[in-house]
N, C-alpha and C. Protein backbone atom coordinates (compact mmCIF):
# COMPACT_ATOMS: atom_id res chain seq x y z
N MET A 1 42.85 118.97 37.41
CA MET A 1 43.18 118.07 38.49
C MET A 1 44.40 118.61 39.44
N GLY A 2 43.91 118.65 40.58
CA GLY A 2 45.11 119.16 41.74
C GLY A 2 45.93 117.88 42.15
N MET A 3 46.79 118.35 43.15
CA MET A 3 47.50 117.31 43.81
C MET A 3 46.90 116.64 44.98
N LYS A 4 47.12 115.38 45.11
CA LYS A 4 46.38 114.65 46.13
C LYS A 4 47.19 114.78 47.53
N THR A 5 46.60 114.74 48.52
CA THR A 5 47.39 114.93 49.92
C THR A 5 46.31 114.31 50.99
N THR A 6 46.87 113.96 52.24
CA THR A 6 46.14 113.44 53.28
C THR A 6 46.29 114.63 54.30
N LEU A 7 45.16 114.97 54.87
CA LEU A 7 44.94 115.74 56.19
C LEU A 7 44.62 115.18 57.33
N ASP A 8 44.87 115.55 58.51
CA ASP A 8 44.50 114.92 59.69
C ASP A 8 43.49 116.08 60.17
N ILE A 9 42.22 115.97 60.18
CA ILE A 9 41.49 116.87 60.58
C ILE A 9 40.58 116.44 61.88
N SER A 10 40.27 117.27 62.67
CA SER A 10 39.38 116.85 63.77
C SER A 10 38.09 116.17 63.52
N ASP A 11 37.68 115.19 64.17
CA ASP A 11 36.21 114.71 63.57
C ASP A 11 35.21 115.65 63.65
N ASN A 12 35.10 116.37 64.70
CA ASN A 12 34.06 117.46 64.65
C ASN A 12 34.03 118.41 63.44
N LEU A 13 35.25 118.85 63.13
CA LEU A 13 35.36 119.72 62.14
C LEU A 13 35.12 119.06 60.72
N LEU A 14 35.35 117.90 60.62
CA LEU A 14 35.12 117.09 59.29
C LEU A 14 33.75 116.87 59.10
N ARG A 15 33.21 116.51 60.27
CA ARG A 15 31.58 116.19 60.22
C ARG A 15 30.86 117.48 59.96
N ARG A 16 31.39 118.68 60.42
CA ARG A 16 30.58 119.87 60.29
C ARG A 16 30.73 120.22 58.65
N ALA A 17 31.91 120.09 58.27
CA ALA A 17 32.37 120.40 56.80
C ALA A 17 31.33 119.39 55.83
N LYS A 18 31.34 118.26 56.15
CA LYS A 18 30.57 117.45 55.28
C LYS A 18 29.34 117.80 55.37
N GLU A 19 28.70 118.12 56.55
CA GLU A 19 27.15 118.39 56.54
C GLU A 19 27.01 119.67 55.63
N LEU A 20 27.76 120.81 55.84
CA LEU A 20 27.62 121.93 55.17
C LEU A 20 27.67 121.73 53.66
N ALA A 21 28.73 120.76 53.24
CA ALA A 21 28.77 120.57 51.57
C ALA A 21 27.57 119.76 51.36
N ARG A 22 27.09 119.00 51.90
CA ARG A 22 25.64 118.27 51.58
C ARG A 22 24.60 119.26 51.69
N LYS A 23 24.56 120.04 52.64
CA LYS A 23 23.30 120.97 52.55
C LYS A 23 23.49 122.21 51.28
N GLU A 24 24.46 122.31 50.99
CA GLU A 24 24.92 123.39 49.94
C GLU A 24 25.45 122.73 48.50
N ASN A 25 25.18 121.45 48.63
CA ASN A 25 25.32 120.66 47.20
C ASN A 25 26.66 120.91 46.63
N LEU A 26 27.47 120.79 47.58
CA LEU A 26 29.06 121.11 47.19
C LEU A 26 29.79 119.76 47.41
N THR A 27 31.09 119.64 46.97
CA THR A 27 31.94 118.62 47.24
C THR A 27 32.62 119.26 48.35
N LEU A 28 33.10 118.17 49.23
CA LEU A 28 34.06 118.76 50.44
C LEU A 28 35.21 119.18 49.86
N ARG A 29 35.78 118.96 48.54
CA ARG A 29 36.87 119.31 48.31
C ARG A 29 36.69 120.86 47.77
N SER A 30 35.65 121.43 47.31
CA SER A 30 35.38 122.73 46.90
C SER A 30 35.19 123.59 48.05
N LEU A 31 34.62 122.97 49.17
CA LEU A 31 34.61 123.53 50.52
C LEU A 31 35.90 123.83 51.11
N VAL A 32 36.62 122.93 51.12
CA VAL A 32 37.98 123.05 51.43
C VAL A 32 38.93 124.28 50.80
N GLU A 33 38.72 124.04 49.44
CA GLU A 33 39.54 124.92 48.76
C GLU A 33 39.08 126.32 48.98
N GLY A 34 37.80 126.64 49.04
CA GLY A 34 37.16 127.82 48.93
C GLY A 34 37.53 128.35 50.59
N GLY A 35 37.60 127.53 51.45
CA GLY A 35 38.14 128.06 53.05
C GLY A 35 39.66 128.52 52.96
N LEU A 36 40.35 127.64 52.19
CA LEU A 36 41.68 127.86 52.12
C LEU A 36 42.12 129.36 51.42
N GLU A 37 41.34 129.21 50.36
CA GLU A 37 41.45 130.76 49.61
C GLU A 37 41.18 131.73 50.49
N LEU A 38 40.02 131.75 51.20
CA LEU A 38 39.75 132.98 52.06
C LEU A 38 40.93 133.34 53.02
N VAL A 39 41.33 132.32 53.70
CA VAL A 39 42.37 132.51 54.66
C VAL A 39 43.69 132.86 54.09
N LEU A 40 44.14 132.35 52.89
CA LEU A 40 45.27 132.99 52.18
C LEU A 40 45.07 134.36 51.91
N LYS A 41 43.95 134.61 51.19
CA LYS A 41 43.55 136.00 50.61
C LYS A 41 43.70 136.98 51.90
N ALA A 42 43.29 136.63 52.87
CA ALA A 42 43.04 137.58 54.22
C ALA A 42 44.61 137.87 54.82
N ARG A 43 45.37 136.71 54.65
CA ARG A 43 46.56 136.86 55.13
C ARG A 43 47.50 137.70 54.37
N GLU A 44 47.27 137.46 52.76
CA GLU A 44 47.94 138.24 52.01
C GLU A 44 47.88 139.73 51.93
N GLU A 45 46.51 140.09 52.48
CA GLU A 45 45.97 141.58 52.62
C GLU A 45 46.40 142.20 53.67
N ARG A 46 46.69 141.56 54.82
CA ARG A 46 46.98 142.19 55.93
C ARG A 46 48.59 142.35 55.85
N GLY A 47 49.33 141.91 55.13
CA GLY A 47 50.83 142.20 54.99
C GLY A 47 51.37 141.46 55.95
N PRO A 48 52.66 141.83 56.08
CA PRO A 48 53.59 140.85 56.99
C PRO A 48 53.27 141.46 58.63
N HIS A 49 53.56 140.52 59.27
CA HIS A 49 53.26 140.65 60.60
C HIS A 49 54.23 141.63 61.34
N LYS A 50 53.77 142.60 62.00
CA LYS A 50 54.49 143.71 62.72
C LYS A 50 54.86 143.38 64.07
N VAL A 51 55.99 143.45 64.40
CA VAL A 51 56.32 143.07 65.92
C VAL A 51 56.51 144.31 66.57
N LYS A 52 55.80 144.51 67.43
CA LYS A 52 55.77 145.75 68.43
C LYS A 52 57.13 145.81 69.18
N PRO A 53 57.97 146.80 69.17
CA PRO A 53 59.24 146.74 69.94
C PRO A 53 58.93 146.75 71.36
N VAL A 54 59.79 146.13 72.07
CA VAL A 54 59.66 146.01 73.37
C VAL A 54 60.68 147.21 74.02
N VAL A 55 59.86 148.02 74.76
CA VAL A 55 60.54 149.21 75.44
C VAL A 55 60.59 149.01 76.88
N PHE A 56 61.52 149.24 77.47
CA PHE A 56 61.92 149.36 78.96
C PHE A 56 62.00 150.81 79.52
N ARG A 57 61.79 150.91 80.79
CA ARG A 57 61.91 152.14 81.41
C ARG A 57 63.20 152.49 81.30
N GLY A 58 63.38 153.86 81.12
CA GLY A 58 64.82 154.21 80.85
C GLY A 58 65.02 155.20 79.74
N LYS A 59 66.21 155.59 79.41
CA LYS A 59 66.32 156.64 78.24
C LYS A 59 67.46 155.85 77.22
N GLY A 60 67.24 154.93 77.12
CA GLY A 60 67.96 154.11 76.01
C GLY A 60 69.58 153.70 76.44
N LEU A 61 70.32 153.74 75.55
CA LEU A 61 71.73 153.26 75.80
C LEU A 61 72.41 154.11 76.75
N SER A 62 73.28 153.90 77.54
CA SER A 62 73.99 154.58 78.26
C SER A 62 74.83 155.61 77.41
N GLU A 63 75.37 156.71 78.14
CA GLU A 63 76.14 157.58 77.20
C GLU A 63 77.51 156.63 76.70
N GLN A 64 78.12 155.87 77.48
CA GLN A 64 79.18 155.03 77.18
C GLN A 64 78.93 154.39 75.93
N PHE A 65 77.64 154.10 75.56
CA PHE A 65 77.58 153.02 74.39
C PHE A 65 76.75 153.81 73.23
N ARG A 66 76.35 154.92 73.55
CA ARG A 66 75.65 155.85 72.22
C ARG A 66 76.46 156.00 71.15
N GLY A 67 76.07 155.82 70.09
CA GLY A 67 77.18 155.72 68.81
C GLY A 67 77.96 154.60 68.68
N ALA A 68 77.86 153.65 69.59
CA ALA A 68 78.70 152.42 69.46
C ALA A 68 78.44 151.41 68.55
N SER A 69 79.33 150.68 68.02
CA SER A 69 78.74 149.70 67.01
C SER A 69 78.32 148.34 67.78
N TRP A 70 77.57 147.45 67.18
CA TRP A 70 77.12 146.41 67.92
C TRP A 70 78.23 145.50 68.38
N ALA A 71 79.60 145.46 67.49
CA ALA A 71 80.91 144.77 67.80
C ALA A 71 81.33 145.52 69.10
N GLU A 72 81.20 146.88 69.36
CA GLU A 72 81.81 147.32 70.41
C GLU A 72 80.94 146.98 71.67
N ILE A 73 79.59 146.98 71.58
CA ILE A 73 78.81 146.71 72.66
C ILE A 73 79.02 145.15 73.17
N ARG A 74 78.97 144.27 72.25
CA ARG A 74 79.37 142.92 72.42
C ARG A 74 80.66 142.63 73.13
N ARG A 75 81.76 143.28 72.71
CA ARG A 75 83.08 143.30 73.25
C ARG A 75 82.85 143.55 74.56
N ALA A 76 82.27 144.65 74.94
CA ALA A 76 82.11 145.20 76.33
C ALA A 76 81.22 144.07 77.32
N VAL A 77 80.27 143.67 76.72
CA VAL A 77 79.38 142.65 77.46
C VAL A 77 80.27 141.41 77.87
N TYR A 78 81.20 140.83 76.97
CA TYR A 78 81.67 139.71 77.14
C TYR A 78 83.10 139.97 77.71
N GLU A 79 83.42 141.17 77.92
CA GLU A 79 84.89 141.42 78.46
C GLU A 79 85.06 140.77 79.81
N GLY A 80 86.27 139.91 79.99
CA GLY A 80 86.55 139.48 81.14
C GLY A 80 86.00 138.11 81.21
N GLN A 81 85.29 137.48 80.32
CA GLN A 81 84.34 136.27 80.33
C GLN A 81 84.85 135.31 79.75
N GLY A 82 86.34 135.55 79.04
CA GLY A 82 86.76 134.46 78.29
C GLY A 82 86.23 134.10 76.83
N ALA A 83 85.44 134.92 76.58
CA ALA A 83 84.83 134.70 75.17
C ALA A 83 85.37 135.79 74.11
């Protein structure tokens, strides 16, 4: 036996799920669990979401900041701003 929970599902989706469960002689629970298993497995297989880096036109950091630490860059950005 599993844990009980309440879900708010659109009327159309629930109607379609109940209809399919009835046609295939399944319980709504088994249909929902099967669907969740498919989604979870697919997401686990594709691995973590990779973020594509945002690249702007140019040649990277200016000469002044190449090799500088983040603390040095931050200090220069806020210089004279009271922070």
